[in-house]
Amino acid sequence: MNPYFQSDEEIGNEITSVLLPQLETNTFDTVYFYGAGCTAEKTPIVTKIISKRIKVTNTIEICTDMLAAARALCGRKAGIACILGTGSNSCYYNGKEIINNIPPLGYILGDEGSGAVLGKLLVGDLLKNQLTTELKEKFLKQYKLTLGELIEHVYRQPFPNRFLASLSPFLAENIHEPLVYALVLNSFKAFLKRNVMQYDYRNHKVHFIGSIAHYYKEVLMEAAT
């Protein structure tokens, strides 16, 4: 759920249809919600959406998914926390709160190293004939997509970032191909340069979380050396 990309109604419906059926009750003393796009500007909106569907007798605390990642990765110690999933994000965390956060900017302007950007780079390189003919044919056959359908998903369908991220496993499956390896490696290097290296990375541990960080661990480690 992301208030920047979904309407109030869409977020509310997701809470009702996905979250509530898994709970034994919809009455709680306190609710802690960590989510993408939950900035100070959007906090009142998310609070209102939750309060309409969950009975909260005390408080609702809304925090970003970045703070959740920082707390999980760094605990009470200072460090640099990074998320590499569908999107990407990073911050410097002092052990209690986020002190500095380079804006991720989304998959169009930023989100380097994310699943969405890897998928975008893959599709762009395939359709611009920057990868081998064999890889292009393999991709189109595996995903059963035409050029027109790719354009439709990216430019006209909702959540193009999710669609692009869903294509990134193709890179993992073909990471042994030099051109594929270079594509992923360069995207990780861009993430480090444009984000991590703007923090005091020489004097603090850099931590990663997220599906992309997990599945491309070896490539990420090389990018960081």
Protein backbone atom coordinates (compact mmCIF):
# COMPACT_ATOMS: atom_id res chain seq x y z
CA MET A 1 0.00 0.00 0.00
CA ASN A 2 1.35 3.37 -1.01
CA PRO A 3 -0.66 6.60 -0.64
CA TYR A 4 1.30 8.17 -3.48
CA PHE A 5 0.19 5.55 -5.99
CA GLN A 6 -3.14 4.32 -4.61
CA SER A 7 -6.37 6.10 -3.79
CA ASP A 8 -7.86 6.17 -0.29
CA GLU A 9 -10.49 3.69 -1.46
CA GLU A 10 -7.92 1.27 -2.88
CA ILE A 11 -5.90 1.29 0.35
CA GLY A 12 -9.05 0.85 2.40
CA ASN A 13 -10.20 -2.07 0.28
CA GLU A 14 -6.81 -3.74 0.67
CA ILE A 15 -7.03 -3.45 4.47
CA THR A 16 -10.55 -4.86 4.41
CA SER A 17 -9.94 -7.72 1.99
CA VAL A 18 -6.35 -8.73 2.82
CA LEU A 19 -5.50 -7.70 6.39
CA LEU A 20 -8.73 -7.97 8.38
CA PRO A 21 -9.55 -11.59 7.37
CA GLN A 22 -6.25 -12.63 8.97
CA LEU A 23 -7.04 -10.98 12.32
CA GLU A 24 -9.15 -12.43 15.12
CA THR A 25 -10.51 -8.99 15.98
CA ASN A 26 -10.58 -5.52 14.48
CA THR A 27 -10.28 -3.75 17.85
CA PHE A 28 -6.83 -2.80 19.14
CA ASP A 29 -5.30 -0.53 21.75
CA THR A 30 -2.52 0.69 19.44
CA VAL A 31 -1.76 0.20 15.75
CA TYR A 32 1.75 0.57 14.32
CA PHE A 33 1.80 0.85 10.54
CA TYR A 34 4.99 0.91 8.50
CA GLY A 35 4.54 1.51 4.79
CA ALA A 36 6.03 2.85 1.59
CA GLY A 37 5.07 6.46 0.94
CA CYS A 38 4.00 7.07 4.54
CA THR A 39 5.62 10.49 4.80
CA ALA A 40 4.58 13.19 7.27
CA GLU A 41 2.44 14.71 4.52
CA LYS A 42 0.50 11.46 4.04
CA THR A 43 0.28 10.41 7.71
CA PRO A 44 -3.14 12.04 8.37
CA ILE A 45 -4.57 10.39 5.27
CA VAL A 46 -3.36 6.89 6.20
CA THR A 47 -4.46 7.39 9.81
CA LYS A 48 -7.97 8.28 8.65
CA ILE A 49 -8.14 5.27 6.31
CA ILE A 50 -7.09 2.87 9.09
CA SER A 51 -9.38 4.40 11.73
CA LYS A 52 -12.40 3.86 9.47
CA ARG A 53 -11.75 0.12 9.30
CA ILE A 54 -10.03 -0.76 12.56
CA LYS A 55 -11.25 0.26 16.02
CA VAL A 56 -8.28 1.79 17.83
CA THR A 57 -8.80 2.80 21.47
CA ASN A 58 -5.46 4.55 21.94
CA THR A 59 -3.18 5.64 19.09
CA ILE A 60 -2.25 4.90 15.48
CA GLU A 61 1.44 5.34 14.71
CA ILE A 62 2.31 5.72 11.03
CA CYS A 63 5.95 5.31 9.98
CA THR A 64 7.80 4.73 6.73
CA ASP A 65 8.98 1.32 5.60
CA MET A 66 12.46 2.85 5.62
CA LEU A 67 12.29 3.31 9.40
CA ALA A 68 11.08 -0.27 9.77
CA ALA A 69 14.06 -1.49 7.73
CA ALA A 70 16.50 0.67 9.70
CA ARG A 71 15.21 -0.61 13.04
CA ALA A 72 15.32 -4.21 11.82
CA LEU A 73 18.80 -3.94 10.28
CA CYS A 74 20.61 -1.66 12.70
CA GLY A 75 18.78 -2.20 15.97
CA ARG A 76 19.94 0.50 18.38
CA LYS A 77 23.23 1.14 16.58
CA ALA A 78 23.97 3.84 14.03
CA GLY A 79 24.29 2.64 10.46
CA ILE A 80 23.22 2.97 6.85
CA ALA A 81 20.11 0.98 5.93
CA CYS A 82 19.15 0.14 2.35
CA ILE A 83 16.09 -1.43 0.76
CA LEU A 84 16.37 -3.17 -2.60
CA GLY A 85 12.98 -4.58 -3.53
CA THR A 86 10.36 -3.49 -6.04
CA GLY A 87 11.68 0.00 -5.31
CA SER A 88 14.86 1.13 -3.57
CA ASN A 89 15.57 3.45 -0.66
CA SER A 90 18.30 4.24 1.85
CA CYS A 91 18.98 6.28 4.96
CA TYR A 92 21.45 7.13 7.69
CA TYR A 93 19.99 5.98 11.03
CA ASN A 94 21.47 7.08 14.38
CA GLY A 95 20.11 4.17 16.40
CA LYS A 96 16.83 5.90 17.20
CA GLU A 97 15.65 7.77 14.14
CA ILE A 98 16.45 8.53 10.51
CA ILE A 99 18.80 11.50 10.29
CA ASN A 100 19.36 11.63 6.54
CA ASN A 101 17.45 10.14 3.62
CA ILE A 102 18.38 10.63 -0.03
CA PRO A 103 14.99 10.72 -1.80
CA PRO A 104 14.46 7.51 -3.82
CA LEU A 105 12.34 9.38 -6.45
CA GLY A 106 10.59 6.30 -7.83
CA TYR A 107 11.47 4.11 -10.80
CA ILE A 108 11.30 6.93 -13.38
CA LEU A 109 13.70 9.38 -11.72
CA GLY A 110 15.56 7.09 -9.33
CA ASP A 111 15.10 3.72 -7.54
CA GLU A 112 18.47 2.54 -8.83
CA GLY A 113 19.07 -1.16 -8.24
CA SER A 114 15.40 -1.92 -7.63
CA GLY A 115 13.37 -4.66 -9.23
CA ALA A 116 11.35 -2.09 -11.17
CA VAL A 117 14.44 -0.40 -12.58
CA LEU A 118 16.13 -3.71 -13.38
CA GLY A 119 12.99 -4.72 -15.25
CA LYS A 120 12.90 -1.36 -17.04
CA LEU A 121 16.54 -1.69 -18.09
CA LEU A 122 15.96 -5.27 -19.23
CA VAL A 123 12.99 -4.38 -21.43
CA GLY A 124 14.72 -1.32 -22.84
CA ASP A 125 17.89 -3.22 -23.68
CA LEU A 126 15.99 -6.13 -25.22
CA LEU A 127 13.82 -3.93 -27.42
CA LYS A 128 16.75 -1.70 -28.40
CA ASN A 129 18.73 -4.83 -29.38
CA GLN A 130 21.41 -4.28 -26.75
CA LEU A 131 21.24 -7.90 -25.59
CA THR A 132 21.66 -11.01 -27.71
CA THR A 133 19.00 -12.24 -30.11
CA GLU A 134 18.86 -15.48 -28.13
CA LEU A 135 18.03 -13.63 -24.91
CA LYS A 136 15.38 -11.53 -26.63
CA GLU A 137 13.67 -14.58 -28.13
CA LYS A 138 13.91 -16.44 -24.82
CA PHE A 139 12.33 -13.53 -22.94
CA LEU A 140 9.44 -13.04 -25.36
CA LYS A 141 8.72 -16.78 -25.42
CA GLN A 142 8.96 -17.17 -21.64
CA TYR A 143 6.68 -14.24 -20.81
CA LYS A 144 4.46 -14.59 -23.89
CA LEU A 145 4.51 -10.84 -24.50
CA THR A 146 4.50 -8.83 -27.70
CA LEU A 147 5.99 -5.34 -28.08
CA GLY A 148 2.47 -3.89 -28.02
CA GLU A 149 1.61 -5.73 -24.81
CA LEU A 150 4.80 -4.52 -23.13
CA ILE A 151 3.96 -0.92 -24.04
CA GLU A 152 0.41 -1.43 -22.78
CA HIS A 153 1.61 -2.72 -19.39
CA VAL A 154 4.17 0.05 -18.92
CA TYR A 155 2.24 3.07 -20.17
CA ARG A 156 -1.46 2.28 -19.76
CA GLN A 157 -1.98 -0.34 -17.06
CA PRO A 158 -1.91 0.44 -13.30
CA PHE A 159 1.24 -0.23 -11.26
CA PRO A 160 3.80 -0.41 -14.09
CA ASN A 161 6.53 -0.54 -11.43
CA ARG A 162 5.15 -3.85 -10.16
CA PHE A 163 4.92 -5.20 -13.70
CA LEU A 164 8.52 -4.25 -14.47
CA ALA A 165 9.71 -5.74 -11.18
CA SER A 166 7.94 -9.00 -12.04
CA LEU A 167 10.28 -9.32 -15.04
CA SER A 168 13.49 -9.04 -13.01
CA PRO A 169 13.66 -12.79 -12.20
CA PHE A 170 14.61 -13.26 -15.86
CA LEU A 171 17.86 -11.46 -15.06
CA ALA A 172 18.55 -13.76 -12.12
CA GLU A 173 17.91 -16.81 -14.31
CA ASN A 174 20.37 -15.53 -16.91
CA ILE A 175 22.91 -13.82 -14.66
CA HIS A 176 25.64 -16.01 -16.16
CA GLU A 177 25.29 -14.04 -19.40
CA PRO A 178 27.97 -11.28 -19.40
CA LEU A 179 25.61 -8.58 -20.69
CA VAL A 180 22.97 -9.44 -18.09
CA TYR A 181 25.55 -9.48 -15.30
CA ALA A 182 26.84 -6.08 -16.40
CA LEU A 183 23.31 -4.62 -16.47
CA VAL A 184 22.65 -5.68 -12.87
CA LEU A 185 26.13 -4.73 -11.65
CA ASN A 186 25.93 -1.25 -13.15
CA SER A 187 22.51 -0.64 -11.63
CA PHE A 188 23.83 -1.58 -8.18
CA LYS A 189 26.85 0.66 -8.69
CA ALA A 190 24.49 3.51 -9.56
CA PHE A 191 22.52 2.87 -6.36
CA LEU A 192 25.68 3.00 -4.27
CA LYS A 193 27.03 6.12 -5.98
CA ARG A 194 23.80 8.10 -6.03
CA ASN A 195 22.63 7.08 -2.56
CA VAL A 196 24.96 5.26 -0.16
CA MET A 197 28.06 7.27 -0.97
CA GLN A 198 26.27 10.46 0.06
CA TYR A 199 26.28 9.21 3.67
CA ASP A 200 29.31 8.65 5.93
CA TYR A 201 29.68 5.14 4.54
CA ARG A 202 33.37 4.81 5.41
CA ASN A 203 32.64 4.98 9.13
CA HIS A 204 29.36 3.08 9.35
CA LYS A 205 28.15 -0.38 8.41
CA VAL A 206 25.96 -0.55 5.33
CA HIS A 207 23.01 -2.96 5.63
CA PHE A 208 20.68 -4.29 2.94
CA ILE A 209 17.22 -5.82 3.00
CA GLY A 210 14.74 -6.79 0.28
CA SER A 211 14.22 -9.46 -2.35
CA ILE A 212 16.62 -7.94 -4.89
CA ALA A 213 19.39 -7.65 -2.29
CA HIS A 214 18.80 -11.30 -1.39
CA TYR A 215 18.67 -12.85 -4.85
CA TYR A 216 21.54 -10.80 -6.28
CA LYS A 217 23.72 -10.88 -3.18
CA GLU A 218 26.92 -11.87 -5.00
CA VAL A 219 26.55 -9.15 -7.64
CA LEU A 220 25.76 -6.58 -4.95
CA MET A 221 28.85 -7.58 -2.99
CA GLU A 222 30.99 -7.08 -6.09
CA ALA A 223 29.45 -3.67 -6.73
CA ALA A 224 30.32 -2.64 -3.18
CA THR A 225 33.99 -3.67 -3.38
